[in-house]
Amino acid sequence: MLTPMAAAMSLSLSGCKKDNWPEGMVEIKWDRDTCVRCSMVISDRRFAAQMRGGPDNTVFKFDDPGCLVFWLKERAEKYPWMADAATRMWLADFNSKSRDAMQWLDPKRAFFVTRTSPMGYNFAAVSVPQAGGLDFTDMRQHVLAKGK
């Protein structure tokens, strides 16, 4: 039987687990993992993204949705599997409460709102439509038109 102190400690430690990562997604080590495109450390959880796929289940992590967009364009020939329906992508829900309570969205089902982002592409993913928001296709076009 646990003492009250041990029970309280057990509950607080369980809140730190990374149980909320979607199936197939690899945990992002905040402030240590780097973006595959720009090499910036992934620190701002509100803009994190990840892609996984191909014959080896290759994983790529990003610090900004714009880096994901450019990676998809720039690496299409090297990684043709990125266009496959089986390729998985996740974007952080901008409204996630904390690093330990992240919500992850499918980019093709997410909505994008203007927010200052780490690399200046300035889009964040949210789960519900908002005034002035864009879908993935429109956000992608805006990012590519901006360039970088």
N, C-alpha and C. Protein backbone atom coordinates (compact mmCIF):
# COMPACT_ATOMS: atom_id res chain seq x y z
N MET A 1 0.85 -1.18 0.00
CA MET A 1 0.00 0.00 0.00
C MET A 1 0.89 1.24 0.00
N LEU A 2 0.51 2.23 -0.81
CA LEU A 2 1.29 3.45 -0.92
C LEU A 2 0.91 4.44 0.17
N THR A 3 1.92 5.14 0.67
CA THR A 3 1.64 6.23 1.60
C THR A 3 1.03 7.37 0.80
N PRO A 4 0.34 8.32 1.44
CA PRO A 4 -0.22 9.46 0.70
C PRO A 4 0.84 10.21 -0.10
N MET A 5 2.04 10.37 0.47
CA MET A 5 3.11 11.08 -0.23
C MET A 5 3.55 10.30 -1.47
N ALA A 6 3.71 8.99 -1.35
CA ALA A 6 4.11 8.16 -2.49
C ALA A 6 3.04 8.17 -3.56
N ALA A 7 1.78 8.14 -3.17
CA ALA A 7 0.69 8.17 -4.14
C ALA A 7 0.68 9.49 -4.91
N ALA A 8 0.87 10.59 -4.20
CA ALA A 8 0.90 11.90 -4.85
C ALA A 8 2.07 12.00 -5.82
N MET A 9 3.24 11.49 -5.41
CA MET A 9 4.42 11.51 -6.27
C MET A 9 4.19 10.65 -7.50
N SER A 10 3.55 9.51 -7.33
CA SER A 10 3.26 8.62 -8.45
C SER A 10 2.36 9.30 -9.47
N LEU A 11 1.34 10.01 -8.99
CA LEU A 11 0.43 10.71 -9.90
C LEU A 11 1.14 11.83 -10.64
N SER A 12 1.97 12.58 -9.95
CA SER A 12 2.65 13.69 -10.61
C SER A 12 3.66 13.18 -11.64
N LEU A 13 4.31 12.06 -11.37
CA LEU A 13 5.25 11.51 -12.34
C LEU A 13 4.54 10.94 -13.55
N SER A 14 3.36 10.37 -13.38
CA SER A 14 2.65 9.80 -14.52
C SER A 14 2.23 10.89 -15.49
N GLY A 15 2.05 12.11 -15.01
CA GLY A 15 1.70 13.22 -15.89
C GLY A 15 2.85 13.61 -16.80
N CYS A 16 4.05 13.16 -16.48
CA CYS A 16 5.22 13.50 -17.29
C CYS A 16 5.49 12.49 -18.40
N LYS A 17 4.77 11.40 -18.42
CA LYS A 17 5.00 10.38 -19.44
C LYS A 17 4.63 10.91 -20.82
N LYS A 18 5.21 10.31 -21.83
CA LYS A 18 4.93 10.70 -23.21
C LYS A 18 3.93 9.75 -23.84
N ASP A 19 2.89 9.41 -23.08
CA ASP A 19 1.89 8.47 -23.58
C ASP A 19 1.00 9.06 -24.67
N ASN A 20 1.03 10.37 -24.82
CA ASN A 20 0.10 11.01 -25.74
C ASN A 20 0.65 11.18 -27.15
N TRP A 21 1.75 10.53 -27.48
CA TRP A 21 2.27 10.59 -28.85
C TRP A 21 1.42 9.66 -29.70
N PRO A 22 0.94 10.13 -30.85
CA PRO A 22 0.13 9.27 -31.72
C PRO A 22 0.89 8.03 -32.17
N GLU A 23 0.15 6.99 -32.46
CA GLU A 23 0.77 5.76 -32.94
C GLU A 23 1.60 6.05 -34.19
N GLY A 24 2.83 5.58 -34.19
CA GLY A 24 3.72 5.78 -35.33
C GLY A 24 4.61 7.00 -35.21
N MET A 25 4.25 7.92 -34.34
CA MET A 25 5.04 9.14 -34.18
C MET A 25 6.18 8.88 -33.19
N VAL A 26 7.34 9.45 -33.49
CA VAL A 26 8.50 9.33 -32.61
C VAL A 26 8.52 10.56 -31.70
N GLU A 27 8.79 10.34 -30.44
CA GLU A 27 8.83 11.44 -29.48
C GLU A 27 9.83 12.50 -29.94
N ILE A 28 9.43 13.76 -29.81
CA ILE A 28 10.34 14.88 -30.08
C ILE A 28 11.01 15.23 -28.75
N LYS A 29 12.31 15.27 -28.77
CA LYS A 29 13.06 15.65 -27.57
C LYS A 29 13.25 17.16 -27.63
N TRP A 30 12.36 17.85 -26.93
CA TRP A 30 12.33 19.31 -26.95
C TRP A 30 13.69 19.88 -26.54
N ASP A 31 14.08 20.93 -27.22
CA ASP A 31 15.34 21.64 -26.96
C ASP A 31 16.58 20.79 -27.24
N ARG A 32 16.42 19.63 -27.89
CA ARG A 32 17.56 18.79 -28.27
C ARG A 32 17.47 18.36 -29.73
N ASP A 33 16.30 17.88 -30.17
CA ASP A 33 16.14 17.48 -31.57
C ASP A 33 16.19 18.72 -32.46
N THR A 34 16.67 18.52 -33.69
CA THR A 34 16.76 19.65 -34.62
C THR A 34 15.91 19.40 -35.85
N CYS A 35 15.54 20.49 -36.48
CA CYS A 35 14.77 20.44 -37.72
C CYS A 35 15.66 19.91 -38.84
N VAL A 36 15.15 18.94 -39.58
CA VAL A 36 15.93 18.32 -40.66
C VAL A 36 16.22 19.32 -41.78
N ARG A 37 15.40 20.33 -41.94
CA ARG A 37 15.61 21.28 -43.04
C ARG A 37 16.54 22.43 -42.66
N CYS A 38 16.27 23.08 -41.53
CA CYS A 38 17.03 24.29 -41.19
C CYS A 38 18.04 24.08 -40.07
N SER A 39 18.03 22.92 -39.45
CA SER A 39 18.95 22.55 -38.35
C SER A 39 18.72 23.34 -37.06
N MET A 40 17.61 24.06 -36.97
CA MET A 40 17.29 24.78 -35.74
C MET A 40 16.76 23.80 -34.69
N VAL A 41 17.10 24.03 -33.43
CA VAL A 41 16.60 23.18 -32.35
C VAL A 41 15.08 23.35 -32.25
N ILE A 42 14.39 22.24 -32.05
CA ILE A 42 12.92 22.28 -31.94
C ILE A 42 12.58 22.61 -30.49
N SER A 43 12.19 23.85 -30.27
CA SER A 43 11.90 24.33 -28.92
C SER A 43 10.45 24.76 -28.75
N ASP A 44 9.93 25.48 -29.73
CA ASP A 44 8.57 26.00 -29.60
C ASP A 44 7.58 24.92 -30.02
N ARG A 45 7.02 24.25 -29.04
CA ARG A 45 6.14 23.10 -29.26
C ARG A 45 4.94 23.44 -30.15
N ARG A 46 4.54 24.69 -30.17
CA ARG A 46 3.32 25.07 -30.90
C ARG A 46 3.46 24.94 -32.41
N PHE A 47 4.70 24.80 -32.90
CA PHE A 47 4.93 24.75 -34.35
C PHE A 47 5.61 23.47 -34.81
N ALA A 48 5.82 22.53 -33.94
CA ALA A 48 6.55 21.30 -34.29
C ALA A 48 5.77 20.47 -35.31
N ALA A 49 6.51 19.72 -36.11
CA ALA A 49 5.91 18.84 -37.11
C ALA A 49 6.79 17.61 -37.27
N GLN A 50 6.18 16.56 -37.81
CA GLN A 50 6.93 15.32 -38.04
C GLN A 50 6.32 14.58 -39.22
N MET A 51 7.18 13.88 -39.94
CA MET A 51 6.74 13.04 -41.06
C MET A 51 7.43 11.69 -40.91
N ARG A 52 6.69 10.62 -41.28
CA ARG A 52 7.26 9.27 -41.21
C ARG A 52 6.72 8.45 -42.37
N GLY A 53 7.63 7.71 -43.03
CA GLY A 53 7.17 6.86 -44.11
C GLY A 53 8.31 6.20 -44.87
N GLY A 54 7.94 5.62 -45.99
CA GLY A 54 8.92 4.95 -46.83
C GLY A 54 9.18 3.53 -46.39
N PRO A 55 9.99 2.82 -47.16
CA PRO A 55 10.26 1.41 -46.86
C PRO A 55 10.96 1.20 -45.51
N ASP A 56 11.68 2.21 -45.03
CA ASP A 56 12.39 2.09 -43.76
C ASP A 56 11.70 2.84 -42.62
N ASN A 57 10.48 3.34 -42.86
CA ASN A 57 9.78 4.16 -41.86
C ASN A 57 10.66 5.31 -41.38
N THR A 58 11.26 6.01 -42.32
CA THR A 58 12.14 7.13 -42.02
C THR A 58 11.35 8.24 -41.34
N VAL A 59 11.96 8.87 -40.34
CA VAL A 59 11.32 9.95 -39.58
C VAL A 59 12.07 11.25 -39.81
N PHE A 60 11.31 12.31 -40.08
CA PHE A 60 11.87 13.65 -40.20
C PHE A 60 11.12 14.56 -39.24
N LYS A 61 11.86 15.40 -38.52
CA LYS A 61 11.26 16.33 -37.55
C LYS A 61 11.52 17.75 -38.02
N PHE A 62 10.55 18.64 -37.73
CA PHE A 62 10.60 20.02 -38.19
C PHE A 62 10.23 20.98 -37.07
N ASP A 63 10.79 22.18 -37.12
CA ASP A 63 10.50 23.19 -36.11
C ASP A 63 9.42 24.17 -36.55
N ASP A 64 8.98 24.09 -37.80
CA ASP A 64 8.03 25.05 -38.35
C ASP A 64 7.26 24.35 -39.47
N PRO A 65 5.95 24.56 -39.56
CA PRO A 65 5.20 23.95 -40.67
C PRO A 65 5.77 24.33 -42.04
N GLY A 66 6.33 25.53 -42.15
CA GLY A 66 6.93 25.95 -43.41
C GLY A 66 8.12 25.10 -43.81
N CYS A 67 8.90 24.66 -42.84
CA CYS A 67 10.03 23.77 -43.14
C CYS A 67 9.51 22.44 -43.69
N LEU A 68 8.42 21.93 -43.14
CA LEU A 68 7.80 20.71 -43.66
C LEU A 68 7.36 20.91 -45.11
N VAL A 69 6.72 22.04 -45.39
CA VAL A 69 6.24 22.33 -46.75
C VAL A 69 7.41 22.35 -47.74
N PHE A 70 8.48 23.05 -47.39
CA PHE A 70 9.63 23.12 -48.30
C PHE A 70 10.33 21.77 -48.43
N TRP A 71 10.41 21.01 -47.34
CA TRP A 71 11.02 19.68 -47.40
C TRP A 71 10.26 18.79 -48.38
N LEU A 72 8.93 18.84 -48.33
CA LEU A 72 8.12 18.05 -49.25
C LEU A 72 8.43 18.41 -50.70
N LYS A 73 8.65 19.68 -50.96
CA LYS A 73 8.94 20.13 -52.32
C LYS A 73 10.38 19.81 -52.72
N GLU A 74 11.33 20.15 -51.86
CA GLU A 74 12.75 20.03 -52.20
C GLU A 74 13.24 18.58 -52.26
N ARG A 75 12.62 17.69 -51.52
CA ARG A 75 13.10 16.31 -51.43
C ARG A 75 12.20 15.29 -52.12
N ALA A 76 11.28 15.76 -52.94
CA ALA A 76 10.32 14.86 -53.60
C ALA A 76 11.01 13.80 -54.45
N GLU A 77 12.08 14.17 -55.15
CA GLU A 77 12.78 13.18 -55.99
C GLU A 77 13.54 12.17 -55.14
N LYS A 78 14.19 12.63 -54.09
CA LYS A 78 14.99 11.74 -53.25
C LYS A 78 14.10 10.78 -52.45
N TYR A 79 12.94 11.27 -52.02
CA TYR A 79 12.02 10.46 -51.21
C TYR A 79 10.65 10.41 -51.88
N PRO A 80 10.51 9.69 -52.99
CA PRO A 80 9.22 9.67 -53.70
C PRO A 80 8.08 9.14 -52.84
N TRP A 81 8.40 8.38 -51.81
CA TRP A 81 7.38 7.83 -50.92
C TRP A 81 6.62 8.91 -50.15
N MET A 82 7.15 10.13 -50.10
CA MET A 82 6.46 11.19 -49.36
C MET A 82 5.07 11.47 -49.92
N ALA A 83 4.85 11.17 -51.20
CA ALA A 83 3.54 11.39 -51.82
C ALA A 83 2.58 10.23 -51.60
N ASP A 84 3.07 9.13 -51.04
CA ASP A 84 2.22 7.96 -50.81
C ASP A 84 1.18 8.24 -49.73
N ALA A 85 0.02 7.65 -49.88
CA ALA A 85 -1.05 7.79 -48.88
C ALA A 85 -0.62 7.22 -47.53
N ALA A 86 0.29 6.26 -47.53
CA ALA A 86 0.73 5.63 -46.28
C ALA A 86 1.69 6.51 -45.47
N THR A 87 2.24 7.55 -46.09
CA THR A 87 3.14 8.45 -45.37
C THR A 87 2.33 9.23 -44.34
N ARG A 88 2.84 9.27 -43.12
CA ARG A 88 2.14 9.95 -42.02
C ARG A 88 2.80 11.28 -41.73
N MET A 89 1.98 12.28 -41.45
CA MET A 89 2.47 13.60 -41.04
C MET A 89 1.65 14.07 -39.85
N TRP A 90 2.34 14.77 -38.96
CA TRP A 90 1.68 15.34 -37.80
C TRP A 90 2.17 16.77 -37.60
N LEU A 91 1.24 17.64 -37.21
CA LEU A 91 1.58 19.01 -36.83
C LEU A 91 1.05 19.25 -35.43
N ALA A 92 1.80 19.99 -34.64
CA ALA A 92 1.33 20.33 -33.30
C ALA A 92 0.12 21.24 -33.40
N ASP A 93 -0.87 20.97 -32.56
CA ASP A 93 -2.01 21.88 -32.43
C ASP A 93 -1.49 23.09 -31.65
N PHE A 94 -1.57 24.26 -32.26
CA PHE A 94 -1.08 25.49 -31.64
C PHE A 94 -1.67 25.69 -30.24
N ASN A 95 -2.88 25.19 -30.03
CA ASN A 95 -3.57 25.39 -28.76
C ASN A 95 -3.29 24.31 -27.72
N SER A 96 -2.33 23.42 -27.98
CA SER A 96 -1.96 22.41 -26.98
C SER A 96 -1.54 23.12 -25.69
N LYS A 97 -1.93 22.55 -24.57
CA LYS A 97 -1.71 23.21 -23.27
C LYS A 97 -0.25 23.21 -22.80
N SER A 98 0.48 22.15 -23.11
CA SER A 98 1.87 22.06 -22.64
C SER A 98 2.60 20.99 -23.44
N ARG A 99 3.89 20.89 -23.23
CA ARG A 99 4.68 19.86 -23.91
C ARG A 99 4.25 18.46 -23.49
N ASP A 100 3.70 18.33 -22.31
CA ASP A 100 3.25 17.02 -21.82
C ASP A 100 1.80 16.73 -22.16
N ALA A 101 1.13 17.68 -22.79
CA ALA A 101 -0.28 17.49 -23.16
C ALA A 101 -0.48 17.91 -24.61
N MET A 102 0.43 17.47 -25.46
CA MET A 102 0.37 17.86 -26.88
C MET A 102 -0.79 17.18 -27.59
N GLN A 103 -1.38 17.93 -28.50
CA GLN A 103 -2.36 17.38 -29.43
C GLN A 103 -1.72 17.47 -30.81
N TRP A 104 -1.88 16.43 -31.60
CA TRP A 104 -1.25 16.36 -32.92
C TRP A 104 -2.32 16.25 -33.98
N LEU A 105 -2.12 16.98 -35.08
CA LEU A 105 -3.11 17.06 -36.14
C LEU A 105 -2.56 16.54 -37.46
N ASP A 106 -3.44 15.96 -38.25
CA ASP A 106 -3.12 15.59 -39.63
C ASP A 106 -3.15 16.90 -40.43
N PRO A 107 -2.06 17.27 -41.09
CA PRO A 107 -2.03 18.55 -41.82
C PRO A 107 -3.18 18.72 -42.82
N LYS A 108 -3.59 17.62 -43.42
CA LYS A 108 -4.64 17.73 -44.44
C LYS A 108 -6.03 17.92 -43.84
N ARG A 109 -6.15 17.75 -42.53
CA ARG A 109 -7.42 17.98 -41.85
C ARG A 109 -7.37 19.20 -40.93
N ALA A 110 -6.19 19.78 -40.78
CA ALA A 110 -6.01 20.93 -39.90
C ALA A 110 -6.40 22.22 -40.61
N PHE A 111 -6.51 23.25 -39.82
CA PHE A 111 -6.74 24.60 -40.32
C PHE A 111 -5.53 25.42 -39.89
N PHE A 112 -5.18 26.41 -40.69
CA PHE A 112 -3.97 27.18 -40.43
C PHE A 112 -4.30 28.64 -40.23
N VAL A 113 -3.75 29.19 -39.15
CA VAL A 113 -3.96 30.59 -38.80
C VAL A 113 -2.61 31.28 -38.78
N THR A 114 -2.64 32.59 -38.93
CA THR A 114 -1.41 33.37 -38.93
C THR A 114 -0.92 33.57 -37.50
N ARG A 115 0.29 33.12 -37.25
CA ARG A 115 0.97 33.29 -35.96
C ARG A 115 2.46 33.40 -36.25
N THR A 116 3.19 34.16 -35.48
CA THR A 116 4.63 34.29 -35.66
C THR A 116 5.28 32.95 -35.33
N SER A 117 5.98 32.37 -36.30
CA SER A 117 6.56 31.03 -36.13
C SER A 117 8.09 31.11 -36.13
N PRO A 118 8.75 30.04 -35.68
CA PRO A 118 10.21 30.07 -35.52
C PRO A 118 10.99 30.49 -36.76
N MET A 119 10.60 30.03 -37.93
CA MET A 119 11.34 30.36 -39.15
C MET A 119 10.70 31.47 -39.97
N GLY A 120 9.65 32.07 -39.44
CA GLY A 120 9.03 33.21 -40.11
C GLY A 120 8.07 32.86 -41.22
N TYR A 121 7.65 31.61 -41.32
CA TYR A 121 6.62 31.26 -42.31
C TYR A 121 5.25 31.68 -41.80
N ASN A 122 5.14 31.78 -40.48
CA ASN A 122 4.01 32.41 -39.79
C ASN A 122 2.66 31.75 -39.98
N PHE A 123 2.65 30.43 -39.91
CA PHE A 123 1.39 29.68 -39.87
C PHE A 123 1.45 28.68 -38.73
N ALA A 124 0.30 28.51 -38.08
CA ALA A 124 0.16 27.53 -37.00
C ALA A 124 -1.07 26.68 -37.29
N ALA A 125 -1.01 25.41 -36.92
CA ALA A 125 -2.13 24.48 -37.14
C ALA A 125 -3.07 24.51 -35.94
N VAL A 126 -4.37 24.51 -36.23
CA VAL A 126 -5.41 24.43 -35.20
C VAL A 126 -6.44 23.40 -35.65
N SER A 127 -7.21 22.91 -34.70
CA SER A 127 -8.15 21.83 -35.02
C SER A 127 -9.52 22.29 -35.50
N VAL A 128 -9.85 23.55 -35.28
CA VAL A 128 -11.17 24.06 -35.70
C VAL A 128 -10.99 25.28 -36.59
N PRO A 129 -11.90 25.46 -37.55
CA PRO A 129 -11.78 26.62 -38.45
C PRO A 129 -11.86 27.93 -37.68
N GLN A 130 -11.11 28.91 -38.14
CA GLN A 130 -11.15 30.25 -37.55
C GLN A 130 -11.22 31.25 -38.69
N ALA A 131 -11.76 32.42 -38.40
CA ALA A 131 -11.87 33.47 -39.41
C ALA A 131 -10.50 33.74 -40.01
N GLY A 132 -10.43 33.76 -41.33
CA GLY A 132 -9.17 34.02 -42.02
C GLY A 132 -8.25 32.82 -42.10
N GLY A 133 -8.68 31.69 -41.60
CA GLY A 133 -7.85 30.48 -41.62
C GLY A 133 -7.78 29.86 -43.00
N LEU A 134 -6.77 29.04 -43.21
CA LEU A 134 -6.55 28.39 -44.49
C LEU A 134 -6.51 26.87 -44.31
N ASP A 135 -6.75 26.15 -45.40
CA ASP A 135 -6.53 24.70 -45.36
C ASP A 135 -5.07 24.44 -45.74
N PHE A 136 -4.65 23.18 -45.71
CA PHE A 136 -3.25 22.83 -45.96
C PHE A 136 -2.80 23.27 -47.35
N THR A 137 -3.63 23.05 -48.36
CA THR A 137 -3.27 23.41 -49.73
C THR A 137 -3.00 24.90 -49.86
N ASP A 138 -3.89 25.73 -49.30
CA ASP A 138 -3.71 27.19 -49.38
C ASP A 138 -2.51 27.65 -48.55
N MET A 139 -2.34 27.07 -47.36
CA MET A 139 -1.18 27.43 -46.54
C MET A 139 0.11 27.10 -47.28
N ARG A 140 0.14 25.92 -47.88
CA ARG A 140 1.31 25.48 -48.64
C ARG A 140 1.64 26.47 -49.76
N GLN A 141 0.63 26.91 -50.49
CA GLN A 141 0.84 27.87 -51.58
C GLN A 141 1.40 29.19 -51.05
N HIS A 142 0.89 29.66 -49.92
CA HIS A 142 1.40 30.90 -49.32
C HIS A 142 2.87 30.76 -48.91
N VAL A 143 3.21 29.65 -48.29
CA VAL A 143 4.58 29.42 -47.84
C VAL A 143 5.53 29.36 -49.04
N LEU A 144 5.16 28.60 -50.06
CA LEU A 144 6.03 28.46 -51.23
C LEU A 144 6.18 29.79 -51.97
N ALA A 145 5.11 30.58 -52.02
CA ALA A 145 5.17 31.89 -52.68
C ALA A 145 6.10 32.84 -51.92
N LYS A 146 6.11 32.72 -50.61
CA LYS A 146 6.98 33.57 -49.79
C LYS A 146 8.45 33.23 -50.04
N GLY A 147 8.72 31.95 -50.23
CA GLY A 147 10.09 31.51 -50.50
C GLY A 147 10.95 31.43 -49.25
N LYS A 148 12.12 30.84 -49.39
CA LYS A 148 13.17 30.70 -48.36
C LYS A 148 13.80 29.36 -48.46
